[in-house]
Amino acid sequence: MLKRYQVLLADWQEDYIKLHAQQYDWSFSESLRLIVSVEIINWVAARYPQYKPKLNDKILVARLKKWLKSPKAFEESFHKQISELYFEARKAAEFILSKENPKRKLF
């Protein structure tokens, strides 16, 4: 479920997100969600080395390069891969929330 938030961003943050949105033909919101999801995975893996996500920077960059070379061929699996990214980010968020706030009910 998506929730609406008002987020204040610095100009350079807006420029970065807009660049991705334009470059990959994503909405601003989708670009922001994807960037945040990647960073959740990265931060949790950096903070807890025992956490081993199925997706990492190398895999994501390889997939993005493949998509950029042939967007039409890759388009069929694109939404599946975005769903996989969101799923992995959610698992990472659940992992860190359980470690740092074990009394909190997760999702």
C-alpha atoms as a PDB file:
ATOM      1  CA  MET A   1       0.000   0.000   0.000  1.00  0.00           C
ATOM      2  CA  LEU A   2       1.286   3.420  -0.890  1.00  0.00           C
ATOM      3  CA  LYS A   3       0.949   6.403   1.426  1.00  0.00           C
ATOM      4  CA  ARG A   4       1.225  10.032   0.499  1.00  0.00           C
ATOM      5  CA  TYR A   5       3.900  12.132   2.207  1.00  0.00           C
ATOM      6  CA  GLN A   6       5.165  15.613   1.723  1.00  0.00           C
ATOM      7  CA  VAL A   7       8.926  15.422   1.408  1.00  0.00           C
ATOM      8  CA  LEU A   8      11.204  18.430   1.301  1.00  0.00           C
ATOM      9  CA  LEU A   9      14.208  17.905  -0.941  1.00  0.00           C
ATOM     10  CA  ALA A  10      17.247  20.013  -1.672  1.00  0.00           C
ATOM     11  CA  ASP A  11      17.586  21.209  -5.260  1.00  0.00           C
ATOM     12  CA  TRP A  12      20.397  18.749  -6.002  1.00  0.00           C
ATOM     13  CA  GLN A  13      18.283  15.843  -4.701  1.00  0.00           C
ATOM     14  CA  GLU A  14      15.397  16.873  -6.922  1.00  0.00           C
ATOM     15  CA  ASP A  15      17.755  17.173  -9.896  1.00  0.00           C
ATOM     16  CA  TYR A  16      19.143  13.685  -9.274  1.00  0.00           C
ATOM     17  CA  ILE A  17      15.702  12.084  -8.988  1.00  0.00           C
ATOM     18  CA  LYS A  18      14.394  13.965 -12.036  1.00  0.00           C
ATOM     19  CA  LEU A  19      17.414  12.796 -14.023  1.00  0.00           C
ATOM     20  CA  HIS A  20      16.555   9.176 -13.272  1.00  0.00           C
ATOM     21  CA  ALA A  21      12.885   9.747 -13.972  1.00  0.00           C
ATOM     22  CA  GLN A  22      13.620  11.265 -17.383  1.00  0.00           C
ATOM     23  CA  GLN A  23      16.457   8.915 -18.251  1.00  0.00           C
ATOM     24  CA  TYR A  24      14.490   5.732 -17.568  1.00  0.00           C
ATOM     25  CA  ASP A  25      10.975   7.038 -18.282  1.00  0.00           C
ATOM     26  CA  TRP A  26       9.767   6.590 -14.709  1.00  0.00           C
ATOM     27  CA  SER A  27       7.574   8.916 -12.678  1.00  0.00           C
ATOM     28  CA  PHE A  28       9.230  11.071 -10.040  1.00  0.00           C
ATOM     29  CA  SER A  29       7.513   9.045  -7.300  1.00  0.00           C
ATOM     30  CA  GLU A  30       8.570   5.715  -8.785  1.00  0.00           C
ATOM     31  CA  SER A  31      12.145   6.954  -9.137  1.00  0.00           C
ATOM     32  CA  LEU A  32      12.186   8.077  -5.521  1.00  0.00           C
ATOM     33  CA  ARG A  33      10.757   4.723  -4.328  1.00  0.00           C
ATOM     34  CA  LEU A  34      13.351   2.789  -6.346  1.00  0.00           C
ATOM     35  CA  ILE A  35      16.251   4.905  -5.073  1.00  0.00           C
ATOM     36  CA  VAL A  36      15.070   4.583  -1.473  1.00  0.00           C
ATOM     37  CA  SER A  37      14.612   0.826  -1.871  1.00  0.00           C
ATOM     38  CA  VAL A  38      18.141   0.347  -3.206  1.00  0.00           C
ATOM     39  CA  GLU A  39      19.535   2.406  -0.352  1.00  0.00           C
ATOM     40  CA  ILE A  40      17.575   0.477   2.287  1.00  0.00           C
ATOM     41  CA  ILE A  41      19.164  -2.730   1.020  1.00  0.00           C
ATOM     42  CA  ASN A  42      22.630  -1.129   0.941  1.00  0.00           C
ATOM     43  CA  TRP A  43      22.387   0.416   4.412  1.00  0.00           C
ATOM     44  CA  VAL A  44      21.128  -2.751   6.074  1.00  0.00           C
ATOM     45  CA  ALA A  45      23.826  -4.856   4.402  1.00  0.00           C
ATOM     46  CA  ALA A  46      26.491  -2.328   5.448  1.00  0.00           C
ATOM     47  CA  ARG A  47      25.248  -2.122   9.031  1.00  0.00           C
ATOM     48  CA  TYR A  48      24.733  -5.875   9.438  1.00  0.00           C
ATOM     49  CA  PRO A  49      27.306  -7.802   7.391  1.00  0.00           C
ATOM     50  CA  GLN A  50      25.536 -11.055   8.277  1.00  0.00           C
ATOM     51  CA  TYR A  51      22.521  -9.845   6.268  1.00  0.00           C
ATOM     52  CA  LYS A  52      22.981 -11.145   2.742  1.00  0.00           C
ATOM     53  CA  PRO A  53      20.425  -9.669   0.318  1.00  0.00           C
ATOM     54  CA  LYS A  54      19.657 -11.525  -2.912  1.00  0.00           C
ATOM     55  CA  LEU A  55      20.125  -8.241  -4.770  1.00  0.00           C
ATOM     56  CA  ASN A  56      23.222  -6.103  -4.510  1.00  0.00           C
ATOM     57  CA  ASP A  57      24.723  -3.179  -6.397  1.00  0.00           C
ATOM     58  CA  LYS A  58      26.549  -5.380  -8.900  1.00  0.00           C
ATOM     59  CA  ILE A  59      23.397  -7.296  -9.822  1.00  0.00           C
ATOM     60  CA  LEU A  60      21.292  -4.140 -10.077  1.00  0.00           C
ATOM     61  CA  VAL A  61      23.863  -2.320 -12.223  1.00  0.00           C
ATOM     62  CA  ALA A  62      24.167  -5.330 -14.539  1.00  0.00           C
ATOM     63  CA  ARG A  63      20.383  -5.447 -14.922  1.00  0.00           C
ATOM     64  CA  LEU A  64      20.193  -1.720 -15.597  1.00  0.00           C
ATOM     65  CA  LYS A  65      22.925  -1.951 -18.243  1.00  0.00           C
ATOM     66  CA  LYS A  66      21.095  -4.854 -19.884  1.00  0.00           C
ATOM     67  CA  TRP A  67      17.878  -2.836 -19.872  1.00  0.00           C
ATOM     68  CA  LEU A  68      19.598   0.222 -21.362  1.00  0.00           C
ATOM     69  CA  LYS A  69      21.031  -1.854 -24.215  1.00  0.00           C
ATOM     70  CA  SER A  70      17.678  -3.333 -25.173  1.00  0.00           C
ATOM     71  CA  PRO A  71      14.698  -1.722 -23.418  1.00  0.00           C
ATOM     72  CA  LYS A  72      12.091  -3.515 -25.562  1.00  0.00           C
ATOM     73  CA  ALA A  73      13.483  -7.000 -24.935  1.00  0.00           C
ATOM     74  CA  PHE A  74      13.945  -6.343 -21.246  1.00  0.00           C
ATOM     75  CA  GLU A  75      10.571  -4.617 -20.755  1.00  0.00           C
ATOM     76  CA  GLU A  76       8.666  -7.861 -20.198  1.00  0.00           C
ATOM     77  CA  SER A  77      10.627  -8.718 -17.077  1.00  0.00           C
ATOM     78  CA  PHE A  78      11.082  -5.121 -15.927  1.00  0.00           C
ATOM     79  CA  HIS A  79       8.051  -4.959 -13.626  1.00  0.00           C
ATOM     80  CA  LYS A  80       8.912  -8.348 -12.179  1.00  0.00           C
ATOM     81  CA  GLN A  81      12.387  -7.068 -11.359  1.00  0.00           C
ATOM     82  CA  ILE A  82      11.027  -3.900  -9.765  1.00  0.00           C
ATOM     83  CA  SER A  83       8.755  -6.078  -7.615  1.00  0.00           C
ATOM     84  CA  GLU A  84      11.769  -8.169  -6.644  1.00  0.00           C
ATOM     85  CA  LEU A  85      13.648  -5.015  -5.642  1.00  0.00           C
ATOM     86  CA  TYR A  86      10.747  -3.817  -3.483  1.00  0.00           C
ATOM     87  CA  PHE A  87      10.450  -7.270  -1.903  1.00  0.00           C
ATOM     88  CA  GLU A  88      14.163  -7.353  -1.039  1.00  0.00           C
ATOM     89  CA  ALA A  89      13.994  -3.818   0.369  1.00  0.00           C
ATOM     90  CA  ARG A  90      11.033  -4.807   2.517  1.00  0.00           C
ATOM     91  CA  LYS A  91      12.918  -7.866   3.814  1.00  0.00           C
ATOM     92  CA  ALA A  92      15.892  -5.635   4.625  1.00  0.00           C
ATOM     93  CA  ALA A  93      13.638  -3.137   6.426  1.00  0.00           C
ATOM     94  CA  GLU A  94      11.989  -5.951   8.406  1.00  0.00           C
ATOM     95  CA  PHE A  95      15.423  -7.326   9.303  1.00  0.00           C
ATOM     96  CA  ILE A  96      16.762  -4.041  10.670  1.00  0.00           C
ATOM     97  CA  LEU A  97      13.511  -3.199  12.440  1.00  0.00           C
ATOM     98  CA  SER A  98      13.542  -6.578  14.189  1.00  0.00           C
ATOM     99  CA  LYS A  99      17.177  -6.062  15.234  1.00  0.00           C
ATOM    100  CA  GLU A 100      16.871  -2.490  16.418  1.00  0.00           C
ATOM    101  CA  ASN A 101      13.322  -2.509  17.759  1.00  0.00           C
ATOM    102  CA  PRO A 102      12.372  -6.119  18.549  1.00  0.00           C
ATOM    103  CA  LYS A 103       9.138  -5.145  20.333  1.00  0.00           C
ATOM    104  CA  ARG A 104       7.749  -3.395  17.260  1.00  0.00           C
ATOM    105  CA  LYS A 105       5.155  -5.285  15.230  1.00  0.00           C
ATOM    106  CA  LEU A 106       6.342  -5.616  11.670  1.00  0.00           C
ATOM    107  CA  PHE A 107       3.965  -4.698   8.878  1.00  0.00           C
END
